[in-house]
Protein backbone atom coordinates (compact mmCIF):
# COMPACT_ATOMS: atom_id res chain seq x y z
CA MET A 1 34.62 13.37 7.56
CA ASP A 2 32.77 12.06 4.52
CA ILE A 3 35.40 10.94 1.99
CA GLY A 4 33.26 12.26 -0.86
CA ASP A 5 29.67 13.37 -0.60
CA HIS A 6 27.76 10.10 -0.59
CA GLY A 7 27.23 9.77 3.15
CA THR A 8 26.24 13.41 3.57
CA HIS A 9 23.72 13.09 0.76
CA CYS A 10 22.13 10.04 2.45
CA ALA A 11 22.09 11.78 5.83
CA GLY A 12 20.29 14.77 4.34
CA ILE A 13 17.49 12.52 3.06
CA ILE A 14 16.98 11.03 6.51
CA ALA A 15 17.05 14.43 8.21
CA GLY A 16 14.30 15.60 5.89
CA PHE A 17 11.81 13.34 7.63
CA GLY A 18 11.59 15.43 10.77
CA PRO A 19 13.17 18.29 12.69
CA ASN A 20 13.98 16.09 15.67
CA VAL A 21 15.92 13.42 13.77
CA LYS A 22 19.32 12.73 15.32
CA ILE A 23 22.02 11.23 13.12
CA ALA A 24 25.23 9.47 14.14
CA SER A 25 27.86 9.02 11.43
CA LEU A 26 29.62 5.64 11.63
CA LYS A 27 32.47 5.38 9.15
CA HIS A 28 32.88 1.96 7.56
CA LEU A 29 35.28 2.63 4.66
CA SER A 30 38.63 4.42 4.76
CA GLY A 31 39.07 5.12 1.05
CA ASN A 32 41.89 2.57 0.71
CA LYS A 33 40.30 0.02 -1.62
CA PHE A 34 42.46 -3.00 -0.75
CA LYS A 35 42.50 -2.33 2.99
CA ASP A 36 38.73 -1.82 2.96
CA LEU A 37 38.13 -5.12 1.16
CA ASP A 38 40.36 -7.03 3.57
CA ASN A 39 38.56 -5.57 6.61
CA TRP A 40 35.09 -5.15 5.15
CA VAL A 41 33.24 -7.56 7.43
CA SER A 42 35.10 -6.71 10.62
CA THR A 43 34.61 -2.95 10.27
CA MET A 44 30.94 -3.41 9.41
CA ILE A 45 30.47 -5.58 12.50
CA LYS A 46 32.24 -2.99 14.66
CA ALA A 47 29.88 -0.30 13.40
CA ILE A 48 26.83 -2.48 14.03
CA ASN A 49 27.99 -3.37 17.54
CA TYR A 50 28.71 0.29 18.31
CA ALA A 51 25.26 1.36 17.11
CA ASP A 52 23.65 -1.33 19.25
CA ALA A 53 25.72 -0.39 22.31
CA MET A 54 24.69 3.26 21.89
CA ASP A 55 21.01 2.23 21.70
CA ILE A 56 20.66 3.49 18.13
CA LYS A 57 17.41 1.94 16.91
CA ILE A 58 17.71 2.47 13.15
CA VAL A 59 20.77 2.25 10.92
CA ASN A 60 20.99 3.13 7.25
CA VAL A 61 23.59 1.28 5.18
CA SER A 62 23.75 2.75 1.70
CA LEU A 63 26.57 0.58 0.46
CA GLY A 64 27.15 -2.96 -0.63
CA LEU A 65 29.69 -5.48 -1.86
CA HIS A 66 28.98 -7.74 -4.83
CA LYS A 67 30.20 -11.31 -4.69
CA SER A 68 32.52 -10.68 -7.62
CA GLN A 69 34.28 -7.89 -5.70
CA ILE A 70 35.23 -10.25 -2.89
CA GLY A 71 37.28 -12.56 -5.06
CA ASP A 72 39.42 -15.03 -3.10
CA ARG A 73 39.49 -12.94 0.07
CA PRO A 74 38.16 -14.51 3.26
CA PHE A 75 34.63 -13.21 3.78
CA ASP A 76 32.58 -14.36 6.77
CA SER A 77 29.06 -13.55 5.62
CA GLN A 78 27.62 -15.62 8.48
CA ALA A 79 29.41 -13.48 11.08
CA LEU A 80 28.00 -10.38 9.40
CA ASN A 81 24.51 -11.81 9.36
CA ASP A 82 24.79 -12.85 13.01
CA ALA A 83 25.95 -9.37 14.05
CA ILE A 84 22.94 -7.79 12.33
CA SER A 85 20.55 -10.36 13.77
CA ASN A 86 21.88 -9.98 17.33
CA ALA A 87 21.59 -6.18 17.30
CA ASP A 88 18.43 -4.59 18.70
CA LEU A 89 17.93 -2.26 15.75
CA LEU A 90 16.33 -1.97 12.33
CA PHE A 91 18.97 -2.42 9.62
CA VAL A 92 17.97 -0.63 6.40
CA THR A 93 20.22 -1.27 3.42
CA ALA A 94 20.43 -0.54 -0.30
CA ALA A 95 19.84 -3.35 -2.80
CA GLY A 96 22.62 -2.16 -5.12
CA ASN A 97 22.81 -0.82 -8.65
CA PHE A 98 23.87 -3.59 -11.02
CA ASN A 99 20.43 -4.48 -12.46
CA LYS A 100 20.89 -7.95 -10.96
CA ASN A 101 18.62 -10.44 -9.24
CA ILE A 102 20.41 -10.68 -5.91
CA ASP A 103 18.47 -13.83 -5.02
CA LEU A 104 20.79 -15.69 -7.39
CA PRO A 105 23.94 -17.20 -5.82
CA ASP A 106 26.28 -15.52 -8.32
CA ASP A 107 24.83 -12.06 -7.71
CA VAL A 108 24.46 -11.78 -3.96
CA ILE A 109 25.18 -8.38 -2.42
CA TYR A 110 26.29 -7.87 1.17
CA PRO A 111 24.67 -6.84 3.40
CA ALA A 112 21.52 -6.67 1.20
CA SER A 113 21.40 -10.45 0.73
CA CYS A 114 21.78 -11.23 4.43
CA THR A 115 18.81 -13.07 5.93
CA ALA A 116 18.54 -11.54 9.42
CA GLU A 117 14.93 -10.78 10.38
CA ASN A 118 15.68 -7.16 11.25
CA ILE A 119 16.89 -6.19 7.76
CA ILE A 120 14.93 -4.15 5.24
CA THR A 121 16.50 -4.15 1.78
CA VAL A 122 15.40 -1.40 -0.58
CA ALA A 123 15.23 -1.09 -4.38
CA ASN A 124 14.99 2.16 -6.38
CA THR A 125 11.91 3.56 -8.12
CA ASP A 126 11.71 6.59 -10.41
CA LYS A 127 9.16 9.42 -10.67
CA ASP A 128 6.83 7.16 -12.66
CA ASP A 129 6.80 4.46 -9.96
CA LYS A 130 8.87 2.16 -12.15
CA LEU A 131 11.82 0.09 -10.99
CA TYR A 132 14.85 2.15 -12.02
CA GLU A 133 16.90 0.56 -14.79
CA SER A 134 20.04 0.00 -12.69
CA SER A 135 18.33 -1.11 -9.50
CA ASN A 136 18.95 -4.60 -8.20
CA TYR A 137 15.92 -6.66 -7.29
CA GLY A 138 14.97 -10.01 -5.80
CA VAL A 139 11.62 -11.29 -4.61
CA ILE A 140 13.33 -12.98 -1.65
CA SER A 141 16.16 -10.62 -0.76
CA VAL A 142 14.60 -7.22 -1.51
CA ASP A 143 11.65 -6.12 0.64
CA LEU A 144 10.29 -2.99 -1.03
CA ALA A 145 11.23 -0.06 -3.21
CA ALA A 146 11.46 3.65 -2.44
CA PRO A 147 12.21 6.79 -4.44
CA GLY A 148 15.88 6.97 -5.34
CA THR A 149 16.00 8.68 -8.71
CA ASP A 150 17.10 12.31 -9.12
CA ILE A 151 17.04 12.97 -5.38
CA ARG A 152 18.24 16.39 -4.24
CA SER A 153 19.96 16.39 -0.86
CA THR A 154 22.90 17.78 1.07
CA ILE A 155 26.62 17.52 0.35
CA PRO A 156 29.60 18.73 2.41
CA THR A 157 29.98 22.52 2.35
CA HIS A 158 33.54 22.34 1.01
CA LEU A 159 32.15 20.69 -2.13
CA ALA A 160 29.37 23.22 -2.61
CA GLY A 161 28.98 24.85 -5.99
CA GLU A 162 26.85 27.72 -7.19
CA GLY A 163 23.72 25.94 -6.04
CA GLY A 164 24.95 25.66 -2.47
CA PRO A 165 25.70 22.48 -0.51
CA TYR A 166 23.22 20.36 -2.46
CA ASP A 167 23.38 17.85 -5.30
CA ILE A 168 21.14 15.47 -7.20
CA LYS A 169 21.95 11.76 -7.09
CA THR A 170 20.38 8.50 -8.20
CA GLY A 171 20.65 4.98 -6.79
CA THR A 172 19.40 2.56 -4.19
CA SER A 173 21.69 4.46 -1.82
CA MET A 174 19.13 7.28 -2.03
CA SER A 175 16.20 4.86 -1.67
CA ALA A 176 17.37 3.26 1.58
CA PRO A 177 17.48 6.52 3.60
CA HIS A 178 13.89 7.25 2.58
CA VAL A 179 12.94 4.04 4.41
CA ALA A 180 15.27 4.75 7.33
CA GLY A 181 13.83 8.26 7.65
CA ALA A 182 10.30 6.87 7.52
CA ALA A 183 11.19 4.41 10.27
CA ALA A 184 12.53 7.26 12.41
CA LEU A 185 9.31 9.22 11.91
CA LEU A 186 7.20 6.21 12.90
CA LEU A 187 9.34 5.46 15.94
CA SER A 188 9.09 9.06 17.09
CA SER A 189 5.29 8.72 16.91
CA ASN A 190 5.41 5.69 19.20
CA PRO A 191 8.87 5.05 20.72
CA SER A 192 7.68 1.78 22.24
CA LEU A 193 7.45 0.06 18.84
CA THR A 194 9.66 -3.02 18.66
CA THR A 195 12.03 -3.53 15.74
CA GLN A 196 9.74 -6.20 14.30
CA GLN A 197 6.67 -3.98 14.66
CA LEU A 198 8.50 -1.15 12.93
CA LYS A 199 9.53 -3.38 10.03
CA ASP A 200 6.08 -4.93 9.69
CA LEU A 201 4.43 -1.51 9.82
CA ILE A 202 6.55 -0.26 6.91
CA LEU A 203 6.18 -3.38 4.79
CA SER A 204 2.42 -3.72 5.37
CA SER A 205 1.78 -0.12 4.25
CA VAL A 206 3.33 -0.13 0.78
CA ASP A 207 1.55 0.93 -2.38
CA PHE A 208 1.35 -2.09 -4.66
CA LEU A 209 2.85 -1.39 -8.09
CA PRO A 210 2.57 -3.66 -11.15
CA ASP A 211 6.17 -2.93 -12.11
CA LEU A 212 7.40 -4.33 -8.79
CA GLN A 213 5.53 -7.64 -8.89
CA GLY A 214 8.04 -10.47 -9.00
CA LYS A 215 10.81 -7.96 -8.26
CA VAL A 216 10.49 -7.25 -4.52
CA ALA A 217 8.86 -9.26 -1.74
CA THR A 218 6.00 -6.84 -1.06
CA SER A 219 5.47 -5.84 -4.70
CA GLY A 220 5.28 -2.32 -3.35
CA ARG A 221 6.79 1.12 -2.86
CA LEU A 222 7.14 2.88 0.49
CA ASN A 223 4.08 4.86 1.66
CA VAL A 224 5.02 6.79 4.79
CA ALA A 225 1.64 8.45 5.23
CA LYS A 226 -0.21 5.14 5.17
CA ALA A 227 2.11 3.65 7.79
CA LEU A 228 1.77 6.73 9.99
CA ARG A 229 -2.04 6.63 9.82
CA LYS A 230 -1.96 3.13 11.29
CA ILE A 231 -0.50 4.36 14.57
CA ARG A 232 -1.77 7.91 14.98
CA THR A 233 -4.34 10.41 13.82
CA SER A 234 -5.33 13.99 14.46
CA VAL A 235 -8.51 15.88 15.23
CA LYS A 236 -9.22 19.52 14.46
CA ILE A 237 -10.14 21.16 17.74
CA GLY A 238 -13.70 22.43 17.61
CA ASP A 239 -14.55 20.61 14.36
CA ILE A 240 -16.95 18.21 16.03
CA ASP A 241 -18.80 17.08 12.91
CA GLY A 242 -15.47 16.48 11.12
CA ASN A 243 -16.33 18.45 7.98
CA GLY A 244 -13.18 20.57 8.16
CA GLU A 245 -14.99 23.72 9.27
CA ILE A 246 -15.95 25.13 12.66
CA SER A 247 -19.42 26.56 12.66
CA SER A 248 -22.67 26.95 14.56
CA ILE A 249 -23.41 23.33 13.67
CA ASP A 250 -20.51 22.23 15.88
CA TYR A 251 -21.87 24.45 18.64
CA ALA A 252 -25.30 22.85 18.33
CA ILE A 253 -23.81 19.33 18.40
CA LEU A 254 -21.83 20.09 21.54
CA LYS A 255 -24.82 21.71 23.22
CA SER A 256 -26.90 18.62 22.44
CA HIS A 257 -24.19 16.36 23.86
CA LEU A 258 -24.23 18.17 27.21
CA ILE A 259 -27.87 17.13 27.48
CA ASN A 260 -27.89 13.73 25.79
CA SER A 261 -24.24 12.47 25.89
CA ASN A 262 -24.32 11.49 22.23
CA LEU A 263 -20.82 12.20 20.89
CA THR A 264 -18.47 9.55 19.53
CA PHE A 265 -15.02 9.26 21.11
CA LYS A 266 -13.43 11.12 18.19
CA GLN A 267 -16.02 13.87 18.51
CA LEU A 268 -15.28 14.11 22.23
CA ALA A 269 -11.62 14.64 21.43
CA ALA A 270 -12.53 17.47 19.05
CA ALA A 271 -14.99 18.95 21.56
CA ASP A 272 -12.34 19.21 24.30
CA VAL A 273 -11.53 22.74 23.21
CA ASP A 274 -9.82 23.79 26.45
CA GLY A 275 -7.57 20.71 26.39
CA ASN A 276 -8.22 19.55 29.95
CA GLY A 277 -9.48 16.15 28.83
CA TYR A 278 -13.13 16.70 29.74
CA VAL A 279 -16.04 18.04 27.73
CA ASN A 280 -18.38 20.34 29.60
CA SER A 281 -20.10 23.72 29.58
CA ILE A 282 -16.76 25.52 29.67
CA ASP A 283 -15.90 24.08 26.25
CA LEU A 284 -19.29 25.18 24.99
CA ALA A 285 -18.69 28.72 26.22
CA ILE A 286 -15.23 28.87 24.63
CA LEU A 287 -16.62 27.60 21.33
CA GLN A 288 -19.38 30.20 21.45
CA MET A 289 -16.87 32.99 22.03
CA TYR A 290 -14.80 31.73 19.11
CA LEU A 291 -17.79 31.79 16.78
CA LEU A 292 -18.54 35.34 17.91
CA GLY A 293 -15.00 36.35 16.99
CA LYS A 294 -13.82 36.62 20.57
CA GLY A 295 -11.67 33.50 20.68
CA GLY A 296 -8.61 35.09 22.25
CA THR A 297 -5.80 32.54 22.60
CA SER A 298 -8.03 29.51 22.03
CA ASP A 299 -6.53 26.47 20.25
CA ILE A 300 -9.73 26.00 18.27
CA GLY A 301 -8.92 25.21 14.66
CA LYS A 302 -5.54 23.63 15.43
CA ASN A 303 -4.83 19.94 14.98
CA ARG A 304 -4.31 17.77 18.05
CA ILE A 305 -2.34 14.55 17.50
CA TYR A 306 -3.55 11.29 19.03
CA THR A 307 -1.42 8.14 19.06
CA TYR A 308 -3.64 5.08 19.22
CA GLY A 309 -3.22 3.36 22.58
CA ASP A 310 -1.41 6.31 24.20
CA ILE A 311 -4.10 6.84 26.83
CA ASP A 312 -2.03 9.01 29.16
CA ASN A 313 -0.83 11.09 26.18
CA ASN A 314 2.85 10.94 27.16
CA GLY A 315 4.05 10.04 23.67
CA ILE A 316 4.52 6.30 24.22
CA VAL A 317 2.23 3.27 24.41
CA ASP A 318 3.33 1.22 27.40
CA GLU A 319 2.27 -0.59 30.57
CA ASN A 320 0.91 2.61 32.11
CA ASP A 321 -1.66 2.79 29.33
CA TYR A 322 -2.56 -0.84 29.92
CA ILE A 323 -3.09 -0.15 33.63
CA LEU A 324 -5.31 2.82 32.83
CA ILE A 325 -7.62 0.85 30.56
CA CYS A 326 -7.76 -2.03 33.04
CA ASN A 327 -8.75 0.33 35.84
CA HIS A 328 -11.39 1.94 33.64
CA ILE A 329 -12.93 -1.39 32.72
CA ASN A 330 -12.97 -2.80 36.26
CA GLY A 331 -14.31 0.43 37.75
CA THR A 332 -11.31 1.42 39.86
CA GLY A 333 -10.49 4.36 37.60
CA GLN A 334 -12.09 6.52 34.96
CA LEU A 335 -10.70 7.74 31.69
CA SER A 336 -11.15 11.36 30.67
CA ASP A 337 -13.47 12.12 27.76
CA ALA A 338 -10.60 12.88 25.38
CA SER A 339 -8.53 9.82 26.34
CA LEU A 340 -11.37 7.47 25.40
CA PHE A 341 -10.43 8.10 21.76
CA ALA A 342 -6.88 6.79 22.32
CA ALA A 343 -8.15 3.83 24.36
CA ASP A 344 -10.64 2.64 21.75
CA ALA A 345 -8.29 0.10 20.16
CA ASP A 346 -10.84 -1.38 17.77
CA GLY A 347 -12.60 1.90 16.96
CA ASN A 348 -16.13 0.80 17.87
CA ASN A 349 -16.79 3.58 20.43
CA VAL A 350 -16.94 1.13 23.32
CA ILE A 351 -14.15 0.54 25.83
CA ASP A 352 -14.21 -3.13 26.82
CA GLN A 353 -12.10 -6.25 27.25
CA THR A 354 -11.43 -6.41 23.52
CA ASP A 355 -9.64 -3.06 23.70
CA ARG A 356 -7.69 -4.20 26.76
CA ILE A 357 -6.52 -7.38 25.03
CA LEU A 358 -5.56 -5.49 21.86
CA ILE A 359 -3.51 -2.91 23.76
CA GLU A 360 -1.76 -5.70 25.68
CA LYS A 361 -0.88 -7.43 22.40
CA TYR A 362 0.35 -4.15 20.93
CA ILE A 363 2.57 -3.35 23.90
CA THR A 364 4.06 -6.85 23.93
CA GLY A 365 4.74 -6.76 20.19
CA ARG A 366 2.29 -9.47 19.16
CA ILE A 367 0.50 -7.19 16.70
CA THR A 368 1.97 -4.50 14.46
CA HIS A 369 -0.67 -1.86 15.16
CA LEU A 370 -4.15 -1.48 16.65
CA PRO A 371 -7.14 -2.29 14.38
CA VAL A 372 -8.48 1.26 14.72
CA GLY A 373 -5.53 2.31 12.54
CA ASN A 374 -7.07 0.45 9.58
CA GLN A 375 -10.20 2.59 9.58
């Protein structure tokens, strides 16, 4: 059980990023101050090793220990760093709340100041996109900032007041779970992302803020939507011209395509109104019925999600997708009309060796995302 309400509050922030988020609670502190300090590194390492053994891909660590709190106690920071580095997971941690530059030797914070490549350390910004007054910072140790000021989230039910099991809190402890939750959302959109791809995706998608220059490595604040757009998109079924409406113009465009084959890959995806992957006269007939007000149970008007590179549309970009594009290029297989959109890695409406090479690099972790995601 949460000793107070801190862990529950952080968990609620993460859970807010999606209905399918699963959270495992790993207890690091017992509430006995002296015992916790003596065993701080060993219990943290046990938690990290357990998470790794259970194949947990993202951990949120909204706590930290300042160098001054360690005193003369033995503290093996290298063992802690090694445990983080050796774990196959993204380690998201809070920068701390002392208004200190944790790059400086006298103000290091553990684990925020650890140097493992799979760490993301997070500072706190307020509603005005300013670095919050108590937030730690460090252009080397701190990667980005995220909202952490006046955050409303869950608390244990036995602590609930008149407002229910919710409370408002401020600190980098609230900022870190925003990043962890964002990472979970991204990973759910493409579960084949490596830890390094996931980290790079988050850090390369920040919004640059003047107040963060010289304070955090990216000079930016988390932008979940921008990161998500790099790996997936959506099309509105039936909205072939992409103007947000479904009209007789879309019908005319589809009718013309059946004669001249002149749709882009994205338009093909929108024109596949029956969802069978192919665009033909059946789709035209369904669209016509919809425009006449006789659409029945048609999915026209709904959004269909496409993950770039997920050619077989099974929710993951992997070797099967690479095989499919190879077969399409060498003539031993053919991609459906709708899947061409997912296979077009560079977004130029041609499926060729460039797309094959890009998807191979993406699957093997050599690039963070496909170039089409930048468009």
